[in-house]
Amino acid sequence: MQVETIDGNLVRQIDDVVTSLRTSVGYRTVWLDPFGMLWHAEPEDEELDALGHRYVGTFCRPDADTLGAALAGLAWPNVACLVVEERRAVPRSLAPLAAAV
């Protein structure tokens, strides 16, 4: 899905990522994780793809405009909500059956 604007959460992160990338020598890949956070890594690092991160691009010391332009085409990631329920106690009458499982 393509979008024309950048989510405010990503806009706030751009300056931090650009500043961090200034200290890097060579190219770095930028990734967007399932929770909307930006990461950067070595170009050969494919772990983030396996973890569900979205590839944004490979850059060599980008400025905020360059990184912003790359992010402008990405939609905000959809994160499934997890429902956590308390573990319920097994009634005493079923305890022998539960222990067998």
N, C-alpha and C. Protein backbone atom coordinates (compact mmCIF):
# COMPACT_ATOMS: atom_id res chain seq x y z
N MET A 1 0.83 -1.17 0.00
CA MET A 1 0.00 0.00 0.00
C MET A 1 0.88 1.24 0.00
N GLN A 2 0.64 2.15 -0.92
CA GLN A 2 1.41 3.38 -1.01
C GLN A 2 0.66 4.52 -0.31
N VAL A 3 1.37 5.34 0.40
CA VAL A 3 0.79 6.51 1.03
C VAL A 3 1.63 7.73 0.66
N GLU A 4 1.02 8.90 0.69
CA GLU A 4 1.73 10.11 0.28
C GLU A 4 2.35 10.86 1.45
N THR A 5 1.89 10.62 2.66
CA THR A 5 2.43 11.32 3.82
C THR A 5 3.16 10.33 4.71
N ILE A 6 3.97 10.88 5.58
CA ILE A 6 4.72 10.05 6.52
C ILE A 6 4.05 10.17 7.88
N ASP A 7 3.88 9.05 8.55
CA ASP A 7 3.31 9.04 9.88
C ASP A 7 4.19 9.87 10.82
N GLY A 8 3.55 10.56 11.75
CA GLY A 8 4.27 11.42 12.70
C GLY A 8 5.32 10.68 13.51
N ASN A 9 5.07 9.43 13.84
CA ASN A 9 6.05 8.63 14.58
C ASN A 9 7.33 8.46 13.78
N LEU A 10 7.21 8.24 12.48
CA LEU A 10 8.40 8.08 11.63
C LEU A 10 9.12 9.40 11.46
N VAL A 11 8.39 10.49 11.32
CA VAL A 11 9.00 11.81 11.18
C VAL A 11 9.90 12.11 12.37
N ARG A 12 9.43 11.79 13.56
CA ARG A 12 10.21 12.04 14.78
C ARG A 12 11.49 11.20 14.82
N GLN A 13 11.50 10.06 14.16
CA GLN A 13 12.66 9.18 14.20
C GLN A 13 13.71 9.51 13.14
N ILE A 14 13.31 10.23 12.09
CA ILE A 14 14.22 10.47 10.96
C ILE A 14 15.50 11.17 11.40
N ASP A 15 15.41 12.23 12.18
CA ASP A 15 16.61 12.96 12.60
C ASP A 15 17.54 12.08 13.43
N ASP A 16 16.97 11.24 14.30
CA ASP A 16 17.80 10.34 15.10
C ASP A 16 18.56 9.34 14.22
N VAL A 17 17.87 8.79 13.23
CA VAL A 17 18.51 7.81 12.35
C VAL A 17 19.57 8.49 11.49
N VAL A 18 19.27 9.66 10.95
CA VAL A 18 20.24 10.40 10.13
C VAL A 18 21.48 10.72 10.95
N THR A 19 21.30 11.17 12.18
CA THR A 19 22.43 11.47 13.05
C THR A 19 23.26 10.22 13.32
N SER A 20 22.59 9.12 13.58
CA SER A 20 23.29 7.86 13.84
C SER A 20 24.05 7.38 12.61
N LEU A 21 23.46 7.56 11.43
CA LEU A 21 24.11 7.10 10.20
C LEU A 21 25.31 7.96 9.81
N ARG A 22 25.40 9.18 10.32
CA ARG A 22 26.56 10.04 10.02
C ARG A 22 27.85 9.44 10.56
N THR A 23 27.77 8.66 11.63
CA THR A 23 28.96 8.07 12.24
C THR A 23 29.36 6.76 11.56
N SER A 24 28.50 6.24 10.68
CA SER A 24 28.79 4.97 10.01
C SER A 24 29.66 5.20 8.79
N VAL A 25 30.53 4.25 8.54
CA VAL A 25 31.38 4.29 7.36
C VAL A 25 30.79 3.32 6.35
N GLY A 26 30.52 3.79 5.14
CA GLY A 26 29.96 2.92 4.12
C GLY A 26 28.44 2.92 4.14
N TYR A 27 27.90 1.94 3.48
CA TYR A 27 26.46 1.84 3.32
C TYR A 27 25.79 1.12 4.48
N ARG A 28 24.56 1.53 4.79
CA ARG A 28 23.75 0.90 5.81
C ARG A 28 22.34 0.72 5.25
N THR A 29 21.68 -0.36 5.65
CA THR A 29 20.29 -0.55 5.26
C THR A 29 19.40 -0.03 6.38
N VAL A 30 18.27 0.53 6.00
CA VAL A 30 17.29 1.04 6.97
C VAL A 30 16.05 0.17 6.87
N TRP A 31 15.52 -0.21 8.02
CA TRP A 31 14.38 -1.12 8.13
C TRP A 31 13.31 -0.51 9.01
N LEU A 32 12.07 -0.89 8.77
CA LEU A 32 10.93 -0.49 9.58
C LEU A 32 10.38 -1.75 10.25
N ASP A 33 10.38 -1.77 11.59
CA ASP A 33 9.92 -2.98 12.28
C ASP A 33 8.39 -3.01 12.36
N PRO A 34 7.81 -4.14 12.75
CA PRO A 34 6.35 -4.27 12.80
C PRO A 34 5.65 -3.28 13.75
N PHE A 35 6.42 -2.65 14.63
CA PHE A 35 5.84 -1.71 15.59
C PHE A 35 6.06 -0.26 15.19
N GLY A 36 6.63 -0.04 13.99
CA GLY A 36 6.82 1.32 13.48
C GLY A 36 8.11 2.00 13.88
N MET A 37 9.10 1.23 14.35
CA MET A 37 10.40 1.79 14.72
C MET A 37 11.40 1.57 13.60
N LEU A 38 12.27 2.58 13.39
CA LEU A 38 13.30 2.47 12.36
C LEU A 38 14.57 1.85 12.94
N TRP A 39 15.22 1.02 12.13
CA TRP A 39 16.47 0.36 12.49
C TRP A 39 17.43 0.54 11.33
N HIS A 40 18.73 0.49 11.62
CA HIS A 40 19.70 0.41 10.53
C HIS A 40 20.70 -0.69 10.84
N ALA A 41 21.20 -1.30 9.77
CA ALA A 41 22.08 -2.46 9.92
C ALA A 41 23.05 -2.53 8.75
N GLU A 42 23.99 -3.47 8.83
CA GLU A 42 24.89 -3.72 7.71
C GLU A 42 24.08 -4.24 6.53
N PRO A 43 24.47 -3.89 5.30
CA PRO A 43 23.71 -4.36 4.13
C PRO A 43 23.62 -5.88 4.02
N GLU A 44 24.60 -6.60 4.53
CA GLU A 44 24.59 -8.06 4.44
C GLU A 44 23.70 -8.71 5.48
N ASP A 45 23.25 -7.93 6.46
CA ASP A 45 22.45 -8.47 7.57
C ASP A 45 21.01 -8.71 7.11
N GLU A 46 20.62 -9.97 7.02
CA GLU A 46 19.27 -10.30 6.57
C GLU A 46 18.38 -10.79 7.71
N GLU A 47 18.87 -10.71 8.94
CA GLU A 47 18.09 -11.14 10.09
C GLU A 47 16.81 -10.33 10.25
N LEU A 48 16.88 -9.03 10.01
CA LEU A 48 15.72 -8.18 10.23
C LEU A 48 14.58 -8.53 9.28
N ASP A 49 14.91 -8.94 8.07
CA ASP A 49 13.87 -9.37 7.12
C ASP A 49 13.16 -10.61 7.67
N ALA A 50 13.93 -11.53 8.21
CA ALA A 50 13.34 -12.76 8.77
C ALA A 50 12.47 -12.47 9.99
N LEU A 51 12.73 -11.36 10.67
CA LEU A 51 11.94 -10.99 11.86
C LEU A 51 10.71 -10.16 11.52
N GLY A 52 10.45 -9.95 10.23
CA GLY A 52 9.25 -9.23 9.82
C GLY A 52 9.44 -7.74 9.60
N HIS A 53 10.69 -7.26 9.61
CA HIS A 53 10.96 -5.85 9.35
C HIS A 53 10.81 -5.58 7.85
N ARG A 54 10.42 -4.36 7.50
CA ARG A 54 10.27 -3.97 6.09
C ARG A 54 11.49 -3.18 5.65
N TYR A 55 12.05 -3.56 4.52
CA TYR A 55 13.21 -2.88 3.96
C TYR A 55 12.81 -1.51 3.44
N VAL A 56 13.54 -0.48 3.85
CA VAL A 56 13.28 0.89 3.39
C VAL A 56 14.25 1.25 2.27
N GLY A 57 15.54 0.96 2.48
CA GLY A 57 16.53 1.28 1.46
C GLY A 57 17.94 1.14 2.01
N THR A 58 18.92 1.23 1.11
CA THR A 58 20.33 1.19 1.49
C THR A 58 20.91 2.57 1.20
N PHE A 59 21.57 3.15 2.20
CA PHE A 59 22.02 4.53 2.11
C PHE A 59 23.45 4.68 2.59
N CYS A 60 24.11 5.72 2.08
CA CYS A 60 25.43 6.11 2.58
C CYS A 60 25.29 7.54 3.09
N ARG A 61 25.17 7.68 4.39
CA ARG A 61 25.01 8.96 5.07
C ARG A 61 23.92 9.83 4.44
N PRO A 62 22.68 9.38 4.48
CA PRO A 62 21.60 10.16 3.88
C PRO A 62 21.26 11.39 4.71
N ASP A 63 20.66 12.38 4.07
CA ASP A 63 20.12 13.52 4.83
C ASP A 63 18.65 13.21 5.15
N ALA A 64 18.03 14.08 5.92
CA ALA A 64 16.66 13.85 6.35
C ALA A 64 15.69 13.82 5.17
N ASP A 65 15.94 14.64 4.14
CA ASP A 65 15.06 14.66 2.97
C ASP A 65 15.11 13.34 2.20
N THR A 66 16.31 12.77 2.06
CA THR A 66 16.46 11.51 1.34
C THR A 66 15.76 10.38 2.07
N LEU A 67 15.98 10.30 3.37
CA LEU A 67 15.34 9.24 4.16
C LEU A 67 13.82 9.46 4.21
N GLY A 68 13.40 10.68 4.33
CA GLY A 68 11.97 10.99 4.34
C GLY A 68 11.30 10.60 3.03
N ALA A 69 11.98 10.84 1.91
CA ALA A 69 11.42 10.48 0.60
C ALA A 69 11.27 8.97 0.48
N ALA A 70 12.22 8.22 1.03
CA ALA A 70 12.15 6.75 0.98
C ALA A 70 11.00 6.24 1.84
N LEU A 71 10.75 6.91 2.95
CA LEU A 71 9.68 6.49 3.87
C LEU A 71 8.30 6.93 3.40
N ALA A 72 8.23 7.95 2.54
CA ALA A 72 6.94 8.49 2.12
C ALA A 72 6.08 7.46 1.40
N GLY A 73 6.69 6.48 0.76
CA GLY A 73 5.92 5.49 0.03
C GLY A 73 5.47 4.31 0.85
N LEU A 74 5.86 4.26 2.12
CA LEU A 74 5.52 3.10 2.95
C LEU A 74 4.29 3.37 3.79
N ALA A 75 3.42 2.40 3.85
CA ALA A 75 2.25 2.50 4.72
C ALA A 75 2.65 2.13 6.14
N TRP A 76 1.89 2.64 7.10
CA TRP A 76 2.12 2.30 8.50
C TRP A 76 1.89 0.80 8.68
N PRO A 77 2.79 0.09 9.33
CA PRO A 77 2.61 -1.36 9.48
C PRO A 77 1.41 -1.71 10.33
N ASN A 78 0.77 -2.81 9.98
CA ASN A 78 -0.34 -3.32 10.78
C ASN A 78 0.21 -4.29 11.81
N VAL A 79 -0.10 -4.05 13.06
CA VAL A 79 0.36 -4.92 14.13
C VAL A 79 -0.86 -5.62 14.72
N ALA A 80 -0.82 -6.92 14.71
CA ALA A 80 -1.92 -7.68 15.31
C ALA A 80 -1.84 -7.54 16.83
N CYS A 81 -2.96 -7.34 17.44
CA CYS A 81 -3.00 -7.24 18.90
C CYS A 81 -3.06 -8.64 19.49
N LEU A 82 -2.29 -8.83 20.51
CA LEU A 82 -2.30 -10.11 21.21
C LEU A 82 -3.23 -10.00 22.40
N VAL A 83 -4.02 -11.01 22.59
CA VAL A 83 -4.92 -11.05 23.74
C VAL A 83 -4.29 -12.01 24.75
N VAL A 84 -4.04 -11.49 25.92
CA VAL A 84 -3.42 -12.31 26.96
C VAL A 84 -4.48 -12.56 28.02
N GLU A 85 -4.71 -13.83 28.28
CA GLU A 85 -5.69 -14.20 29.29
C GLU A 85 -4.98 -14.88 30.45
N GLU A 86 -5.54 -14.71 31.63
CA GLU A 86 -4.98 -15.39 32.79
C GLU A 86 -5.15 -16.89 32.64
N ARG A 87 -4.16 -17.61 33.11
CA ARG A 87 -4.27 -19.06 33.11
C ARG A 87 -5.24 -19.46 34.21
N ARG A 88 -6.18 -20.26 33.84
CA ARG A 88 -7.20 -20.66 34.81
C ARG A 88 -6.80 -21.96 35.50
N ALA A 89 -7.16 -22.05 36.74
CA ALA A 89 -6.86 -23.25 37.50
C ALA A 89 -7.74 -24.40 37.02
N VAL A 90 -7.16 -25.58 37.01
CA VAL A 90 -7.90 -26.78 36.63
C VAL A 90 -8.68 -27.27 37.84
N PRO A 91 -9.98 -27.53 37.67
CA PRO A 91 -10.75 -28.05 38.81
C PRO A 91 -10.12 -29.35 39.32
N ARG A 92 -10.21 -29.58 40.61
CA ARG A 92 -9.60 -30.77 41.23
C ARG A 92 -10.09 -32.06 40.58
N SER A 93 -11.33 -32.09 40.16
CA SER A 93 -11.87 -33.32 39.59
C SER A 93 -11.21 -33.64 38.24
N LEU A 94 -10.65 -32.61 37.56
CA LEU A 94 -10.01 -32.84 36.26
C LEU A 94 -8.49 -32.87 36.38
N ALA A 95 -7.94 -32.64 37.55
CA ALA A 95 -6.50 -32.57 37.74
C ALA A 95 -5.76 -33.82 37.24
N PRO A 96 -6.24 -35.05 37.51
CA PRO A 96 -5.54 -36.23 37.01
C PRO A 96 -5.51 -36.26 35.47
N LEU A 97 -6.57 -35.78 34.82
CA LEU A 97 -6.59 -35.76 33.37
C LEU A 97 -5.63 -34.72 32.80
N ALA A 98 -5.56 -33.55 33.46
CA ALA A 98 -4.67 -32.48 33.01
C ALA A 98 -3.21 -32.89 33.18
N ALA A 99 -2.89 -33.64 34.23
CA ALA A 99 -1.52 -34.07 34.48
C ALA A 99 -1.08 -35.09 33.42
N ALA A 100 -2.02 -35.85 32.87
CA ALA A 100 -1.69 -36.85 31.87
C ALA A 100 -1.36 -36.23 30.52
N VAL A 101 -1.78 -35.01 30.30
CA VAL A 101 -1.55 -34.35 29.00
C VAL A 101 -0.24 -33.75 28.95
